[in-house]
Amino acid sequence: MKHRLTGLLCVAALVLPACDPNADPDQTAGAIFGGALAAITLAAIDADPEWIIIGTAAGAAAGALIAQNSSTGECAYSDGRGGYYRADCP
């Protein structure tokens, strides 16, 4: 039962942003793909359920950010002082 509830919560966390009418479809797809890839990978290596949840959330966040940067054509660069700036990707 605990694993089913955990899985349901993970799926809900990934699917609910798709209901936002202002959401970027690329970001939503990136979040779903990143989260699913992380969950499948962690399940394949027999990770603890807690790590699967954390990894799924991290994968979803990374997927959304990658999709956002791909759609804007901007990349983040280090400024050498601990910060970053955005500029066009090469």
PDB file of N, CA and C in Angstrom:
ATOM      1  N   MET A   1       0.821  -1.193   0.000  1.00  0.00           N
ATOM      2  CA  MET A   1       0.000   0.000   0.000  1.00  0.00           C
ATOM      3  C   MET A   1       0.866   1.260   0.000  1.00  0.00           C
ATOM      4  N   LYS A   2       1.941   1.226   0.795  1.00  0.00           N
ATOM      5  CA  LYS A   2       2.813   2.391   0.898  1.00  0.00           C
ATOM      6  C   LYS A   2       3.446   2.719  -0.454  1.00  0.00           C
ATOM      7  N   HIS A   3       3.852   1.696  -1.198  1.00  0.00           N
ATOM      8  CA  HIS A   3       4.488   1.918  -2.490  1.00  0.00           C
ATOM      9  C   HIS A   3       3.488   2.438  -3.520  1.00  0.00           C
ATOM     10  N   ARG A   4       2.262   2.000  -3.441  1.00  0.00           N
ATOM     11  CA  ARG A   4       1.243   2.499  -4.372  1.00  0.00           C
ATOM     12  C   ARG A   4       0.952   3.967  -4.116  1.00  0.00           C
ATOM     13  N   LEU A   5       0.871   4.336  -2.842  1.00  0.00           N
ATOM     14  CA  LEU A   5       0.621   5.729  -2.490  1.00  0.00           C
ATOM     15  C   LEU A   5       1.794   6.602  -2.930  1.00  0.00           C
ATOM     16  N   THR A   6       2.994   6.122  -2.735  1.00  0.00           N
ATOM     17  CA  THR A   6       4.178   6.857  -3.160  1.00  0.00           C
ATOM     18  C   THR A   6       4.170   7.052  -4.669  1.00  0.00           C
ATOM     19  N   GLY A   7       3.881   6.014  -5.396  1.00  0.00           N
ATOM     20  CA  GLY A   7       3.808   6.117  -6.851  1.00  0.00           C
ATOM     21  C   GLY A   7       2.732   7.076  -7.301  1.00  0.00           C
ATOM     22  N   LEU A   8       1.589   7.021  -6.654  1.00  0.00           N
ATOM     23  CA  LEU A   8       0.484   7.922  -6.998  1.00  0.00           C
ATOM     24  C   LEU A   8       0.867   9.375  -6.748  1.00  0.00           C
ATOM     25  N   LEU A   9       1.539   9.642  -5.643  1.00  0.00           N
ATOM     26  CA  LEU A   9       1.970  11.003  -5.343  1.00  0.00           C
ATOM     27  C   LEU A   9       2.991  11.504  -6.363  1.00  0.00           C
ATOM     28  N   CYS A  10       3.891  10.640  -6.772  1.00  0.00           N
ATOM     29  CA  CYS A  10       4.887  11.029  -7.775  1.00  0.00           C
ATOM     30  C   CYS A  10       4.219  11.352  -9.111  1.00  0.00           C
ATOM     31  N   VAL A  11       3.280  10.526  -9.510  1.00  0.00           N
ATOM     32  CA  VAL A  11       2.575  10.764 -10.772  1.00  0.00           C
ATOM     33  C   VAL A  11       1.763  12.050 -10.680  1.00  0.00           C
ATOM     34  N   ALA A  12       1.104  12.272  -9.565  1.00  0.00           N
ATOM     35  CA  ALA A  12       0.301  13.491  -9.400  1.00  0.00           C
ATOM     36  C   ALA A  12       1.180  14.732  -9.454  1.00  0.00           C
ATOM     37  N   ALA A  13       2.356  14.656  -8.856  1.00  0.00           N
ATOM     38  CA  ALA A  13       3.267  15.803  -8.865  1.00  0.00           C
ATOM     39  C   ALA A  13       3.733  16.133 -10.278  1.00  0.00           C
ATOM     40  N   LEU A  14       3.833  15.132 -11.120  1.00  0.00           N
ATOM     41  CA  LEU A  14       4.269  15.360 -12.496  1.00  0.00           C
ATOM     42  C   LEU A  14       3.125  15.763 -13.415  1.00  0.00           C
ATOM     43  N   VAL A  15       1.923  15.279 -13.145  1.00  0.00           N
ATOM     44  CA  VAL A  15       0.800  15.512 -14.044  1.00  0.00           C
ATOM     45  C   VAL A  15       0.072  16.820 -13.738  1.00  0.00           C
ATOM     46  N   LEU A  16      -0.007  17.221 -12.490  1.00  0.00           N
ATOM     47  CA  LEU A  16      -0.766  18.418 -12.141  1.00  0.00           C
ATOM     48  C   LEU A  16      -0.277  19.689 -12.827  1.00  0.00           C
ATOM     49  N   PRO A  17       1.027  19.895 -13.021  1.00  0.00           N
ATOM     50  CA  PRO A  17       1.429  21.102 -13.747  1.00  0.00           C
ATOM     51  C   PRO A  17       0.873  21.167 -15.173  1.00  0.00           C
ATOM     52  N   ALA A  18       0.550  20.038 -15.746  1.00  0.00           N
ATOM     53  CA  ALA A  18      -0.009  20.019 -17.101  1.00  0.00           C
ATOM     54  C   ALA A  18      -1.398  20.641 -17.145  1.00  0.00           C
ATOM     55  N   CYS A  19      -2.061  20.773 -16.009  1.00  0.00           N
ATOM     56  CA  CYS A  19      -3.396  21.367 -15.955  1.00  0.00           C
ATOM     57  C   CYS A  19      -3.360  22.889 -15.986  1.00  0.00           C
ATOM     58  N   ASP A  20      -2.199  23.492 -15.799  1.00  0.00           N
ATOM     59  CA  ASP A  20      -2.066  24.946 -15.820  1.00  0.00           C
ATOM     60  C   ASP A  20      -2.179  25.446 -17.261  1.00  0.00           C
ATOM     61  N   PRO A  21      -3.165  26.283 -17.569  1.00  0.00           N
ATOM     62  CA  PRO A  21      -3.324  26.731 -18.954  1.00  0.00           C
ATOM     63  C   PRO A  21      -2.162  27.604 -19.439  1.00  0.00           C
ATOM     64  N   ASN A  22      -1.399  28.187 -18.514  1.00  0.00           N
ATOM     65  CA  ASN A  22      -0.279  29.046 -18.885  1.00  0.00           C
ATOM     66  C   ASN A  22       1.047  28.293 -18.938  1.00  0.00           C
ATOM     67  N   ALA A  23       1.017  27.001 -18.658  1.00  0.00           N
ATOM     68  CA  ALA A  23       2.250  26.219 -18.639  1.00  0.00           C
ATOM     69  C   ALA A  23       2.803  26.027 -20.051  1.00  0.00           C
ATOM     70  N   ASP A  24       4.108  26.088 -20.154  1.00  0.00           N
ATOM     71  CA  ASP A  24       4.780  25.851 -21.427  1.00  0.00           C
ATOM     72  C   ASP A  24       4.760  24.347 -21.690  1.00  0.00           C
ATOM     73  N   PRO A  25       4.232  23.905 -22.817  1.00  0.00           N
ATOM     74  CA  PRO A  25       4.156  22.468 -23.088  1.00  0.00           C
ATOM     75  C   PRO A  25       5.524  21.790 -23.103  1.00  0.00           C
ATOM     76  N   ASP A  26       6.551  22.510 -23.555  1.00  0.00           N
ATOM     77  CA  ASP A  26       7.888  21.926 -23.569  1.00  0.00           C
ATOM     78  C   ASP A  26       8.404  21.703 -22.153  1.00  0.00           C
ATOM     79  N   GLN A  27       8.127  22.655 -21.261  1.00  0.00           N
ATOM     80  CA  GLN A  27       8.558  22.492 -19.875  1.00  0.00           C
ATOM     81  C   GLN A  27       7.828  21.339 -19.201  1.00  0.00           C
ATOM     82  N   THR A  28       6.549  21.226 -19.465  1.00  0.00           N
ATOM     83  CA  THR A  28       5.775  20.138 -18.880  1.00  0.00           C
ATOM     84  C   THR A  28       6.292  18.793 -19.377  1.00  0.00           C
ATOM     85  N   ALA A  29       6.526  18.693 -20.667  1.00  0.00           N
ATOM     86  CA  ALA A  29       7.053  17.448 -21.230  1.00  0.00           C
ATOM     87  C   ALA A  29       8.439  17.151 -20.680  1.00  0.00           C
ATOM     88  N   GLY A  30       9.268  18.177 -20.539  1.00  0.00           N
ATOM     89  CA  GLY A  30      10.604  17.985 -19.972  1.00  0.00           C
ATOM     90  C   GLY A  30      10.544  17.498 -18.537  1.00  0.00           C
ATOM     91  N   ALA A  31       9.622  18.060 -17.758  1.00  0.00           N
ATOM     92  CA  ALA A  31       9.472  17.633 -16.369  1.00  0.00           C
ATOM     93  C   ALA A  31       8.995  16.191 -16.284  1.00  0.00           C
ATOM     94  N   ILE A  32       8.041  15.832 -17.113  1.00  0.00           N
ATOM     95  CA  ILE A  32       7.529  14.460 -17.101  1.00  0.00           C
ATOM     96  C   ILE A  32       8.610  13.484 -17.540  1.00  0.00           C
ATOM     97  N   PHE A  33       9.329  13.812 -18.615  1.00  0.00           N
ATOM     98  CA  PHE A  33      10.381  12.929 -19.106  1.00  0.00           C
ATOM     99  C   PHE A  33      11.520  12.805 -18.097  1.00  0.00           C
ATOM    100  N   GLY A  34      11.959  13.930 -17.523  1.00  0.00           N
ATOM    101  CA  GLY A  34      13.040  13.899 -16.538  1.00  0.00           C
ATOM    102  C   GLY A  34      12.673  13.120 -15.295  1.00  0.00           C
ATOM    103  N   GLY A  35      11.465  13.330 -14.809  1.00  0.00           N
ATOM    104  CA  GLY A  35      11.011  12.600 -13.626  1.00  0.00           C
ATOM    105  C   GLY A  35      10.858  11.113 -13.881  1.00  0.00           C
ATOM    106  N   ALA A  36      10.290  10.778 -15.035  1.00  0.00           N
ATOM    107  CA  ALA A  36      10.107   9.362 -15.373  1.00  0.00           C
ATOM    108  C   ALA A  36      11.447   8.660 -15.558  1.00  0.00           C
ATOM    109  N   LEU A  37      12.375   9.323 -16.227  1.00  0.00           N
ATOM    110  CA  LEU A  37      13.693   8.724 -16.441  1.00  0.00           C
ATOM    111  C   LEU A  37      14.409   8.494 -15.120  1.00  0.00           C
ATOM    112  N   ALA A  38      14.328   9.453 -14.218  1.00  0.00           N
ATOM    113  CA  ALA A  38      14.951   9.298 -12.904  1.00  0.00           C
ATOM    114  C   ALA A  38      14.295   8.168 -12.115  1.00  0.00           C
ATOM    115  N   ALA A  39      12.971   8.112 -12.126  1.00  0.00           N
ATOM    116  CA  ALA A  39      12.264   7.072 -11.383  1.00  0.00           C
ATOM    117  C   ALA A  39      12.596   5.681 -11.920  1.00  0.00           C
ATOM    118  N   ILE A  40      12.626   5.538 -13.239  1.00  0.00           N
ATOM    119  CA  ILE A  40      12.935   4.238 -13.842  1.00  0.00           C
ATOM    120  C   ILE A  40      14.367   3.827 -13.531  1.00  0.00           C
ATOM    121  N   THR A  41      15.287   4.770 -13.630  1.00  0.00           N
ATOM    122  CA  THR A  41      16.688   4.466 -13.355  1.00  0.00           C
ATOM    123  C   THR A  41      16.897   4.059 -11.904  1.00  0.00           C
ATOM    124  N   LEU A  42      16.311   4.806 -10.980  1.00  0.00           N
ATOM    125  CA  LEU A  42      16.486   4.487  -9.562  1.00  0.00           C
ATOM    126  C   LEU A  42      15.795   3.179  -9.191  1.00  0.00           C
ATOM    127  N   ALA A  43      14.653   2.904  -9.794  1.00  0.00           N
ATOM    128  CA  ALA A  43      13.987   1.630  -9.533  1.00  0.00           C
ATOM    129  C   ALA A  43      14.808   0.465 -10.079  1.00  0.00           C
ATOM    130  N   ALA A  44      15.483   0.683 -11.213  1.00  0.00           N
ATOM    131  CA  ALA A  44      16.289  -0.378 -11.816  1.00  0.00           C
ATOM    132  C   ALA A  44      17.505  -0.736 -10.966  1.00  0.00           C
ATOM    133  N   ILE A  45      18.017   0.232 -10.206  1.00  0.00           N
ATOM    134  CA  ILE A  45      19.176  -0.063  -9.349  1.00  0.00           C
ATOM    135  C   ILE A  45      18.757  -0.375  -7.916  1.00  0.00           C
ATOM    136  N   ASP A  46      17.476  -0.626  -7.715  1.00  0.00           N
ATOM    137  CA  ASP A  46      16.927  -1.004  -6.407  1.00  0.00           C
ATOM    138  C   ASP A  46      17.200   0.029  -5.321  1.00  0.00           C
ATOM    139  N   ALA A  47      16.982   1.290  -5.643  1.00  0.00           N
ATOM    140  CA  ALA A  47      17.144   2.360  -4.661  1.00  0.00           C
ATOM    141  C   ALA A  47      16.001   2.304  -3.657  1.00  0.00           C
ATOM    142  N   ASP A  48      16.225   2.898  -2.488  1.00  0.00           N
ATOM    143  CA  ASP A  48      15.175   2.993  -1.475  1.00  0.00           C
ATOM    144  C   ASP A  48      14.031   3.847  -2.005  1.00  0.00           C
ATOM    145  N   PRO A  49      12.801   3.588  -1.559  1.00  0.00           N
ATOM    146  CA  PRO A  49      11.664   4.383  -2.038  1.00  0.00           C
ATOM    147  C   PRO A  49      11.828   5.883  -1.794  1.00  0.00           C
ATOM    148  N   GLU A  50      12.472   6.244  -0.678  1.00  0.00           N
ATOM    149  CA  GLU A  50      12.670   7.660  -0.395  1.00  0.00           C
ATOM    150  C   GLU A  50      13.582   8.306  -1.445  1.00  0.00           C
ATOM    151  N   TRP A  51      14.623   7.573  -1.858  1.00  0.00           N
ATOM    152  CA  TRP A  51      15.529   8.101  -2.870  1.00  0.00           C
ATOM    153  C   TRP A  51      14.849   8.166  -4.236  1.00  0.00           C
ATOM    154  N   ILE A  52      13.944   7.266  -4.487  1.00  0.00           N
ATOM    155  CA  ILE A  52      13.203   7.317  -5.747  1.00  0.00           C
ATOM    156  C   ILE A  52      12.348   8.582  -5.799  1.00  0.00           C
ATOM    157  N   ILE A  53      11.727   8.928  -4.690  1.00  0.00           N
ATOM    158  CA  ILE A  53      10.912  10.143  -4.638  1.00  0.00           C
ATOM    159  C   ILE A  53      11.783  11.377  -4.842  1.00  0.00           C
ATOM    160  N   ILE A  54      12.899  11.436  -4.128  1.00  0.00           N
ATOM    161  CA  ILE A  54      13.797  12.583  -4.245  1.00  0.00           C
ATOM    162  C   ILE A  54      14.363  12.679  -5.657  1.00  0.00           C
ATOM    163  N   GLY A  55      14.785  11.550  -6.205  1.00  0.00           N
ATOM    164  CA  GLY A  55      15.342  11.531  -7.551  1.00  0.00           C
ATOM    165  C   GLY A  55      14.323  11.907  -8.611  1.00  0.00           C
ATOM    166  N   THR A  56      13.087  11.469  -8.429  1.00  0.00           N
ATOM    167  CA  THR A  56      12.023  11.819  -9.372  1.00  0.00           C
ATOM    168  C   THR A  56      11.776  13.319  -9.368  1.00  0.00           C
ATOM    169  N   ALA A  57      11.737  13.905  -8.188  1.00  0.00           N
ATOM    170  CA  ALA A  57      11.541  15.358  -8.097  1.00  0.00           C
ATOM    171  C   ALA A  57      12.716  16.104  -8.725  1.00  0.00           C
ATOM    172  N   ALA A  58      13.925  15.646  -8.455  1.00  0.00           N
ATOM    173  CA  ALA A  58      15.108  16.301  -9.028  1.00  0.00           C
ATOM    174  C   ALA A  58      15.131  16.142 -10.554  1.00  0.00           C
ATOM    175  N   GLY A  59      14.781  14.963 -11.039  1.00  0.00           N
ATOM    176  CA  GLY A  59      14.734  14.737 -12.481  1.00  0.00           C
ATOM    177  C   GLY A  59      13.684  15.595 -13.160  1.00  0.00           C
ATOM    178  N   ALA A  60      12.544  15.756 -12.504  1.00  0.00           N
ATOM    179  CA  ALA A  60      11.486  16.603 -13.066  1.00  0.00           C
ATOM    180  C   ALA A  60      11.937  18.059 -13.117  1.00  0.00           C
ATOM    181  N   ALA A  61      12.593  18.529 -12.069  1.00  0.00           N
ATOM    182  CA  ALA A  61      13.078  19.905 -12.056  1.00  0.00           C
ATOM    183  C   ALA A  61      14.135  20.122 -13.131  1.00  0.00           C
ATOM    184  N   ALA A  62      15.057  19.185 -13.241  1.00  0.00           N
ATOM    185  CA  ALA A  62      16.108  19.307 -14.260  1.00  0.00           C
ATOM    186  C   ALA A  62      15.513  19.271 -15.667  1.00  0.00           C
ATOM    187  N   GLY A  63      14.566  18.381 -15.896  1.00  0.00           N
ATOM    188  CA  GLY A  63      13.927  18.305 -17.209  1.00  0.00           C
ATOM    189  C   GLY A  63      13.199  19.575 -17.580  1.00  0.00           C
ATOM    190  N   ALA A  64      12.530  20.194 -16.608  1.00  0.00           N
ATOM    191  CA  ALA A  64      11.820  21.448 -16.870  1.00  0.00           C
ATOM    192  C   ALA A  64      12.796  22.574 -17.184  1.00  0.00           C
ATOM    193  N   LEU A  65      13.906  22.639 -16.452  1.00  0.00           N
ATOM    194  CA  LEU A  65      14.894  23.691 -16.696  1.00  0.00           C
ATOM    195  C   LEU A  65      15.585  23.523 -18.042  1.00  0.00           C
ATOM    196  N   ILE A  66      15.901  22.293 -18.401  1.00  0.00           N
ATOM    197  CA  ILE A  66      16.530  22.042 -19.699  1.00  0.00           C
ATOM    198  C   ILE A  66      15.585  22.436 -20.827  1.00  0.00           C
ATOM    199  N   ALA A  67      14.314  22.089 -20.680  1.00  0.00           N
ATOM    200  CA  ALA A  67      13.328  22.452 -21.705  1.00  0.00           C
ATOM    201  C   ALA A  67      13.165  23.963 -21.789  1.00  0.00           C
ATOM    202  N   GLN A  68      13.178  24.652 -20.658  1.00  0.00           N
ATOM    203  CA  GLN A  68      13.039  26.107 -20.663  1.00  0.00           C
ATOM    204  C   GLN A  68      14.223  26.741 -21.379  1.00  0.00           C
ATOM    205  N   ASN A  69      15.425  26.287 -21.092  1.00  0.00           N
ATOM    206  CA  ASN A  69      16.600  26.847 -21.748  1.00  0.00           C
ATOM    207  C   ASN A  69      16.601  26.536 -23.234  1.00  0.00           C
ATOM    208  N   SER A  70      16.102  25.370 -23.615  1.00  0.00           N
ATOM    209  CA  SER A  70      16.045  25.015 -25.032  1.00  0.00           C
ATOM    210  C   SER A  70      15.057  25.891 -25.785  1.00  0.00           C
ATOM    211  N   SER A  71      13.958  26.232 -25.142  1.00  0.00           N
ATOM    212  CA  SER A  71      12.940  27.029 -25.834  1.00  0.00           C
ATOM    213  C   SER A  71      13.329  28.500 -25.949  1.00  0.00           C
ATOM    214  N   THR A  72      14.107  29.025 -24.995  1.00  0.00           N
ATOM    215  CA  THR A  72      14.509  30.429 -25.054  1.00  0.00           C
ATOM    216  C   THR A  72      15.807  30.624 -25.822  1.00  0.00           C
ATOM    217  N   GLY A  73      16.588  29.559 -25.983  1.00  0.00           N
ATOM    218  CA  GLY A  73      17.862  29.676 -26.677  1.00  0.00           C
ATOM    219  C   GLY A  73      18.939  30.333 -25.839  1.00  0.00           C
ATOM    220  N   GLU A  74      18.704  30.426 -24.526  1.00  0.00           N
ATOM    221  CA  GLU A  74      19.675  31.026 -23.624  1.00  0.00           C
ATOM    222  C   GLU A  74      20.363  29.956 -22.792  1.00  0.00           C
ATOM    223  N   CYS A  75      21.611  30.210 -22.468  1.00  0.00           N
ATOM    224  CA  CYS A  75      22.370  29.327 -21.593  1.00  0.00           C
ATOM    225  C   CYS A  75      22.842  30.130 -20.385  1.00  0.00           C
ATOM    226  N   ALA A  76      23.100  29.453 -19.298  1.00  0.00           N
ATOM    227  CA  ALA A  76      23.623  30.103 -18.103  1.00  0.00           C
ATOM    228  C   ALA A  76      25.125  29.880 -18.048  1.00  0.00           C
ATOM    229  N   TYR A  77      25.848  30.959 -17.783  1.00  0.00           N
ATOM    230  CA  TYR A  77      27.304  30.905 -17.707  1.00  0.00           C
ATOM    231  C   TYR A  77      27.760  31.429 -16.353  1.00  0.00           C
ATOM    232  N   SER A  78      28.809  30.839 -15.822  1.00  0.00           N
ATOM    233  CA  SER A  78      29.382  31.301 -14.563  1.00  0.00           C
ATOM    234  C   SER A  78      30.103  32.622 -14.790  1.00  0.00           C
ATOM    235  N   ASP A  79      29.950  33.549 -13.833  1.00  0.00           N
ATOM    236  CA  ASP A  79      30.654  34.822 -13.965  1.00  0.00           C
ATOM    237  C   ASP A  79      31.995  34.815 -13.235  1.00  0.00           C
ATOM    238  N   GLY A  80      32.363  33.686 -12.625  1.00  0.00           N
ATOM    239  CA  GLY A  80      33.637  33.569 -11.930  1.00  0.00           C
ATOM    240  C   GLY A  80      33.626  34.114 -10.516  1.00  0.00           C
ATOM    241  N   ARG A  81      32.502  34.657 -10.070  1.00  0.00           N
ATOM    242  CA  ARG A  81      32.400  35.206  -8.715  1.00  0.00           C
ATOM    243  C   ARG A  81      31.312  34.510  -7.905  1.00  0.00           C
ATOM    244  N   GLY A  82      30.918  33.337  -8.349  1.00  0.00           N
ATOM    245  CA  GLY A  82      29.879  32.591  -7.637  1.00  0.00           C
ATOM    246  C   GLY A  82      28.486  32.832  -8.175  1.00  0.00           C
ATOM    247  N   GLY A  83      28.333  33.674  -9.144  1.00  0.00           N
ATOM    248  CA  GLY A  83      27.031  33.953  -9.747  1.00  0.00           C
ATOM    249  C   GLY A  83      26.996  33.428 -11.167  1.00  0.00           C
ATOM    250  N   TYR A  84      25.961  33.794 -11.867  1.00  0.00           N
ATOM    251  CA  TYR A  84      25.852  33.400 -13.264  1.00  0.00           C
ATOM    252  C   TYR A  84      25.118  34.474 -14.041  1.00  0.00           C
ATOM    253  N   TYR A  85      25.253  34.408 -15.338  1.00  0.00           N
ATOM    254  CA  TYR A  85      24.531  35.300 -16.219  1.00  0.00           C
ATOM    255  C   TYR A  85      23.992  34.500 -17.394  1.00  0.00           C
ATOM    256  N   ARG A  86      22.991  35.047 -18.054  1.00  0.00           N
ATOM    257  CA  ARG A  86      22.392  34.372 -19.204  1.00  0.00           C
ATOM    258  C   ARG A  86      22.801  35.081 -20.483  1.00  0.00           C
ATOM    259  N   ALA A  87      23.054  34.265 -21.488  1.00  0.00           N
ATOM    260  CA  ALA A  87      23.392  34.796 -22.808  1.00  0.00           C
ATOM    261  C   ALA A  87      22.972  33.754 -23.835  1.00  0.00           C
ATOM    262  N   ASP A  88      22.998  34.158 -25.108  1.00  0.00           N
ATOM    263  CA  ASP A  88      22.634  33.225 -26.164  1.00  0.00           C
ATOM    264  C   ASP A  88      23.573  32.023 -26.169  1.00  0.00           C
ATOM    265  N   CYS A  89      23.018  30.860 -26.421  1.00  0.00           N
ATOM    266  CA  CYS A  89      23.840  29.645 -26.499  1.00  0.00           C
ATOM    267  C   CYS A  89      24.679  29.678 -27.773  1.00  0.00           C
ATOM    268  N   PRO A  90      25.879  29.106 -27.729  1.00  0.00           N
ATOM    269  CA  PRO A  90      26.725  29.081 -28.934  1.00  0.00           C
ATOM    270  C   PRO A  90      26.165  28.180 -30.008  1.00  0.00           C
TER     271      PRO A  90
END
